Amino acid sequence: MSYGLDDLLYLMRRLRDPQTGCPWDLKQDFATILPHTLEEAYEVADAIERQDWPHLEEELGDLLFQVIFYGQMGDERQLFNLNSIIHRLVEKLIRRHPHVFPQGTLHSERDPSVSPQEAEINANWDLIKQQEKALKPVAQNMPSGLLADVPATLPALNRAVKLQKKASKVGFDWPDVQGVLDKIREELAEVEAEISAADPERLEHEVGDLLFAVSNLARHLKVDAEVALRGTNARFCSRFAQVEAQVERLGGWDNASAAEMEAAWQAAKQQEKH
């Protein structure tokens, strides 16, 4: 027997049944489920980066369950349900892909001999999003302005790049990478000055400015800052594991000098290159 979407929806209703459901699931709401959603999304990313396809299948299921959970809670409060979520999604994707659905209907098709240009597709995408935004009612307690729709809850590195991209679209940007490099040097000098001043609050401020400038450099070089840093984290873990192994051979951390640890680190880097 193979379970399908209808079975998953039935299971979700059973979990939230006030009489016979699961006590943990029953006491959840949108706010309490949110941290689990973020965690599941990161676990999906981790499985993809490790190319662990069986694990990815499981993690995608866990992430799907989060959407099902939100749909059930929305249905209980008569806000929305899974069907309305899917309807809005399909409607939006059709609207944003006129180069695929030329009549604005799901089954309309473009002439296969005509190949739209990527620049044109991106320009249309941005224009359609702006039109959608103009038609949306203004949400309560939402800031206004060009940067307002960049979620504050994004990981800081991702949000920095999205903020920079938004600002660049109206010309608020460095004309070339040299300007960004100069800015990084300026911010680094300010960090060094605050180290001498020994003001923790100002130091945090300047380190943040430096990180923001470095993420801007990645954007100008068309390097995904998040992917780049995740790669560095992975390399650090791999190299440090080799340092740990060497330290164990030396009798443990208390018996290893800084020079020996550095030598083990450099050996790990060389092994990585080969």
Protein backbone atom coordinates (compact mmCIF):
# COMPACT_ATOMS: atom_id res chain seq x y z
CA MET A 1 0.00 0.00 0.00
CA SER A 2 1.25 3.45 -0.91
CA TYR A 3 -0.04 6.46 1.02
CA GLY A 4 -0.90 9.71 -0.76
CA LEU A 5 -1.75 13.33 -0.06
CA ASP A 6 -5.31 12.54 1.03
CA ASP A 7 -3.95 10.10 3.62
CA LEU A 8 -1.60 12.77 4.95
CA LEU A 9 -4.47 15.25 5.28
CA TYR A 10 -6.54 12.63 7.11
CA LEU A 11 -3.61 11.90 9.44
CA MET A 12 -3.25 15.63 10.18
CA ARG A 13 -6.94 15.91 11.05
CA ARG A 14 -6.58 12.91 13.37
CA LEU A 15 -3.61 14.48 15.14
CA ARG A 16 -5.61 17.67 15.74
CA ASP A 17 -8.86 15.93 16.71
CA PRO A 18 -9.96 17.59 20.00
CA GLN A 19 -11.21 14.28 21.41
CA THR A 20 -8.74 11.65 20.22
CA GLY A 21 -5.79 13.62 18.85
CA CYS A 22 -2.20 14.00 20.04
CA PRO A 23 -1.85 16.33 23.07
CA TRP A 24 1.37 17.85 21.70
CA ASP A 25 -0.09 18.56 18.25
CA LEU A 26 -3.27 19.98 19.76
CA LYS A 27 -1.48 22.63 21.79
CA GLN A 28 0.55 23.95 18.85
CA ASP A 29 -0.19 27.19 17.01
CA PHE A 30 1.45 29.14 14.18
CA ALA A 31 4.09 30.69 16.44
CA THR A 32 5.12 27.44 18.14
CA ILE A 33 5.42 25.54 14.85
CA LEU A 34 7.58 28.22 13.19
CA PRO A 35 10.92 27.14 14.77
CA HIS A 36 10.29 23.57 13.60
CA THR A 37 9.64 24.82 10.06
CA LEU A 38 12.95 26.68 9.98
CA GLU A 39 14.78 23.65 11.37
CA GLU A 40 13.24 21.34 8.75
CA ALA A 41 14.22 23.73 5.95
CA TYR A 42 17.84 23.71 7.13
CA GLU A 43 17.81 19.92 7.35
CA VAL A 44 16.66 19.78 3.72
CA ALA A 45 19.55 22.06 2.76
CA ASP A 46 22.00 19.91 4.72
CA ALA A 47 20.86 16.71 3.00
CA ILE A 48 21.20 18.35 -0.44
CA GLU A 49 24.71 19.61 0.28
CA ARG A 50 25.77 16.14 1.45
CA GLN A 51 23.99 14.59 -1.57
CA ASP A 52 22.27 12.24 0.84
CA TRP A 53 19.30 11.45 -1.39
CA PRO A 54 17.50 8.87 0.83
CA HIS A 55 17.76 11.30 3.75
CA LEU A 56 16.60 14.17 1.50
CA GLU A 57 13.42 12.25 0.70
CA GLU A 58 12.69 11.96 4.42
CA GLU A 59 13.51 15.60 5.14
CA LEU A 60 11.32 16.83 2.27
CA GLY A 61 8.48 14.84 3.81
CA ASP A 62 9.09 16.55 7.16
CA LEU A 63 9.06 19.95 5.44
CA LEU A 64 5.85 19.09 3.57
CA PHE A 65 4.27 18.15 6.89
CA GLN A 66 4.89 21.69 8.12
CA VAL A 67 2.77 23.07 5.27
CA ILE A 68 0.06 20.50 6.01
CA PHE A 69 0.14 21.54 9.68
CA TYR A 70 -0.30 25.23 8.82
CA GLY A 71 -3.11 24.36 6.42
CA GLN A 72 -4.96 22.43 9.14
CA MET A 73 -4.60 25.20 11.70
CA GLY A 74 -5.73 27.76 9.12
CA ASP A 75 -8.76 25.62 8.31
CA GLU A 76 -9.66 25.33 11.99
CA ARG A 77 -9.64 29.12 12.29
CA GLN A 78 -11.39 29.56 8.93
CA LEU A 79 -8.42 31.55 7.57
CA PHE A 80 -7.37 29.24 4.72
CA ASN A 81 -6.73 25.55 4.01
CA LEU A 82 -4.42 23.44 1.88
CA ASN A 83 -6.67 23.73 -1.18
CA SER A 84 -6.69 27.53 -0.98
CA ILE A 85 -2.91 27.55 -0.46
CA ILE A 86 -2.43 25.44 -3.60
CA HIS A 87 -4.93 27.54 -5.57
CA ARG A 88 -3.14 30.81 -4.76
CA LEU A 89 0.23 29.26 -5.56
CA VAL A 90 -0.83 27.93 -8.98
CA GLU A 91 -2.57 31.21 -9.79
CA LYS A 92 0.56 33.19 -8.90
CA LEU A 93 2.94 30.95 -10.84
CA ILE A 94 0.78 31.12 -13.97
CA ARG A 95 0.67 34.92 -13.66
CA ARG A 96 4.44 35.20 -13.21
CA HIS A 97 5.26 32.92 -16.17
CA PRO A 98 3.56 34.54 -19.18
CA HIS A 99 6.36 33.09 -21.34
CA VAL A 100 5.05 29.60 -20.45
CA PHE A 101 1.30 30.30 -20.08
CA PRO A 102 0.68 33.04 -22.70
CA GLN A 103 -3.11 33.20 -22.26
CA GLY A 104 -2.82 33.24 -18.50
CA THR A 105 -4.41 29.81 -18.17
CA LEU A 106 -2.89 26.59 -16.89
CA HIS A 107 -3.22 24.70 -20.18
CA SER A 108 -2.21 27.47 -22.60
CA GLU A 109 1.19 26.99 -24.28
CA ARG A 110 3.59 29.27 -26.14
CA ASP A 111 4.97 28.58 -29.59
CA PRO A 112 7.88 26.14 -28.99
CA SER A 113 9.87 27.80 -31.79
CA VAL A 114 10.04 31.05 -29.76
CA SER A 115 12.66 31.11 -27.00
CA PRO A 116 12.24 33.96 -24.52
CA GLN A 117 15.42 35.67 -23.32
CA GLU A 118 16.41 35.34 -19.67
CA ALA A 119 16.80 39.12 -19.26
CA GLU A 120 13.26 39.64 -20.54
CA ILE A 121 11.92 36.92 -18.23
CA ASN A 122 13.61 38.52 -15.20
CA ALA A 123 12.34 41.98 -16.12
CA ASN A 124 8.77 40.68 -16.51
CA TRP A 125 9.05 38.80 -13.20
CA ASP A 126 10.05 41.98 -11.34
CA LEU A 127 7.30 44.00 -13.06
CA ILE A 128 4.62 41.44 -12.21
CA LYS A 129 5.77 41.29 -8.58
CA GLN A 130 5.54 45.10 -8.37
CA GLN A 131 2.02 44.99 -9.81
CA GLU A 132 1.03 42.31 -7.29
CA LYS A 133 2.46 44.36 -4.45
CA ALA A 134 0.52 47.45 -5.53
CA LEU A 135 -2.75 45.50 -5.45
CA LYS A 136 -2.19 43.96 -2.01
CA PRO A 137 -3.85 45.60 1.00
CA VAL A 138 -1.35 47.19 3.37
CA ALA A 139 -0.80 44.81 6.29
CA GLN A 140 -0.99 46.17 9.80
CA ASN A 141 2.32 46.89 11.58
CA MET A 142 4.23 46.36 8.32
CA PRO A 143 6.96 48.88 7.44
CA SER A 144 6.71 50.57 4.06
CA GLY A 145 9.38 51.33 1.52
CA LEU A 146 11.59 49.57 -1.00
CA LEU A 147 13.14 47.20 1.54
CA ALA A 148 9.96 46.43 3.48
CA ASP A 149 9.27 43.06 1.89
CA VAL A 150 12.68 41.58 2.77
CA PRO A 151 11.79 39.43 5.80
CA ALA A 152 13.56 40.41 9.00
CA THR A 153 13.62 36.74 10.06
CA LEU A 154 15.93 35.65 7.22
CA PRO A 155 19.42 34.50 8.21
CA ALA A 156 21.47 37.69 8.52
CA LEU A 157 23.82 36.86 5.63
CA ASN A 158 20.98 36.08 3.23
CA ARG A 159 19.07 39.18 4.29
CA ALA A 160 22.10 41.40 3.76
CA VAL A 161 22.42 40.24 0.15
CA LYS A 162 18.69 40.65 -0.52
CA LEU A 163 18.74 44.17 0.92
CA GLN A 164 21.71 45.04 -1.29
CA LYS A 165 19.99 43.65 -4.39
CA LYS A 166 16.86 45.67 -3.67
CA ALA A 167 18.82 48.89 -3.23
CA SER A 168 20.90 48.24 -6.35
CA LYS A 169 17.77 48.15 -8.52
CA VAL A 170 17.28 51.90 -7.98
CA GLY A 171 20.98 52.67 -8.56
CA PHE A 172 22.08 52.68 -4.91
CA ASP A 173 25.18 50.55 -5.47
CA TRP A 174 28.89 50.63 -6.16
CA PRO A 175 29.56 50.93 -9.92
CA ASP A 176 32.20 48.20 -9.81
CA VAL A 177 33.91 45.73 -7.49
CA GLN A 178 36.79 48.14 -6.73
CA GLY A 179 34.44 50.37 -4.76
CA VAL A 180 33.37 47.40 -2.66
CA LEU A 181 36.98 46.40 -1.99
CA ASP A 182 37.76 49.95 -0.87
CA LYS A 183 34.75 49.84 1.43
CA ILE A 184 35.94 46.56 2.97
CA ARG A 185 39.35 48.11 3.69
CA GLU A 186 37.62 51.14 5.24
CA GLU A 187 35.43 48.94 7.45
CA LEU A 188 38.39 46.79 8.49
CA ALA A 189 40.28 49.91 9.56
CA GLU A 190 37.28 50.96 11.65
CA VAL A 191 37.19 47.55 13.31
CA GLU A 192 40.88 47.87 14.18
CA ALA A 193 40.25 51.32 15.64
CA GLU A 194 37.43 50.00 17.84
CA ILE A 195 39.61 47.13 19.08
CA SER A 196 41.95 49.77 20.49
CA ALA A 197 39.04 51.77 21.92
CA ALA A 198 37.73 48.67 23.74
CA ASP A 199 34.06 49.63 23.36
CA PRO A 200 32.14 46.32 22.93
CA GLU A 201 29.00 47.94 21.51
CA ARG A 202 30.90 49.96 18.91
CA LEU A 203 33.05 46.97 18.06
CA GLU A 204 29.96 44.84 17.37
CA HIS A 205 28.64 47.64 15.17
CA GLU A 206 31.83 47.85 13.11
CA VAL A 207 32.20 44.07 12.76
CA GLY A 208 28.63 44.01 11.44
CA ASP A 209 29.50 46.70 8.89
CA LEU A 210 32.52 44.67 7.79
CA LEU A 211 30.42 41.52 7.33
CA PHE A 212 27.85 43.50 5.36
CA ALA A 213 30.57 44.85 3.07
CA VAL A 214 32.03 41.36 2.51
CA SER A 215 28.58 40.00 1.60
CA ASN A 216 28.31 42.90 -0.86
CA LEU A 217 31.60 41.79 -2.43
CA ALA A 218 30.20 38.28 -2.89
CA ARG A 219 27.14 39.74 -4.61
CA HIS A 220 29.24 41.82 -7.01
CA LEU A 221 31.36 38.77 -7.84
CA LYS A 222 28.17 36.70 -8.36
CA VAL A 223 29.19 34.35 -5.55
CA ASP A 224 26.41 33.02 -3.33
CA ALA A 225 27.59 34.25 0.08
CA GLU A 226 25.57 31.67 2.02
CA VAL A 227 26.83 28.76 -0.09
CA ALA A 228 30.40 30.06 0.07
CA LEU A 229 30.35 30.33 3.87
CA ARG A 230 28.68 26.93 4.27
CA GLY A 231 31.47 25.48 2.12
CA THR A 232 34.07 27.11 4.33
CA ASN A 233 32.34 25.74 7.42
CA ALA A 234 32.43 22.24 5.93
CA ARG A 235 36.12 22.55 5.06
CA PHE A 236 36.88 23.80 8.58
CA CYS A 237 35.12 20.78 10.10
CA SER A 238 36.97 18.39 7.79
CA ARG A 239 40.38 19.92 8.53
CA PHE A 240 39.71 20.19 12.26
CA ALA A 241 38.80 16.50 12.36
CA GLN A 242 42.30 15.74 11.04
CA VAL A 243 43.82 18.08 13.64
CA GLU A 244 41.88 16.18 16.33
CA ALA A 245 43.22 12.88 15.04
CA GLN A 246 46.80 14.18 15.15
CA VAL A 247 46.30 15.61 18.65
CA GLU A 248 45.05 12.23 19.84
CA ARG A 249 48.26 10.66 18.54
CA LEU A 250 50.20 13.25 20.54
CA GLY A 251 48.34 12.30 23.71
CA GLY A 252 45.47 14.82 23.79
CA TRP A 253 44.93 18.57 23.75
CA ASP A 254 46.92 19.16 26.93
CA ASN A 255 50.00 17.63 25.31
CA ALA A 256 49.75 19.41 21.95
CA SER A 257 51.49 22.74 21.44
CA ALA A 258 50.08 25.55 19.30
CA ALA A 259 52.84 24.90 16.76
CA GLU A 260 51.91 21.20 16.52
CA MET A 261 48.23 22.05 16.05
CA GLU A 262 49.13 24.57 13.33
CA ALA A 263 51.32 21.97 11.59
CA ALA A 264 48.42 19.48 11.66
CA TRP A 265 46.13 22.14 10.21
CA GLN A 266 48.52 22.92 7.37
CA ALA A 267 48.92 19.20 6.65
CA ALA A 268 45.14 18.87 6.44
CA LYS A 269 45.00 21.78 3.97
CA GLN A 270 47.68 20.20 1.81
CA GLN A 271 45.91 16.84 1.84
CA GLU A 272 42.72 18.62 0.77
CA LYS A 273 44.49 20.15 -2.24
CA HIS A 274 45.71 16.75 -3.41
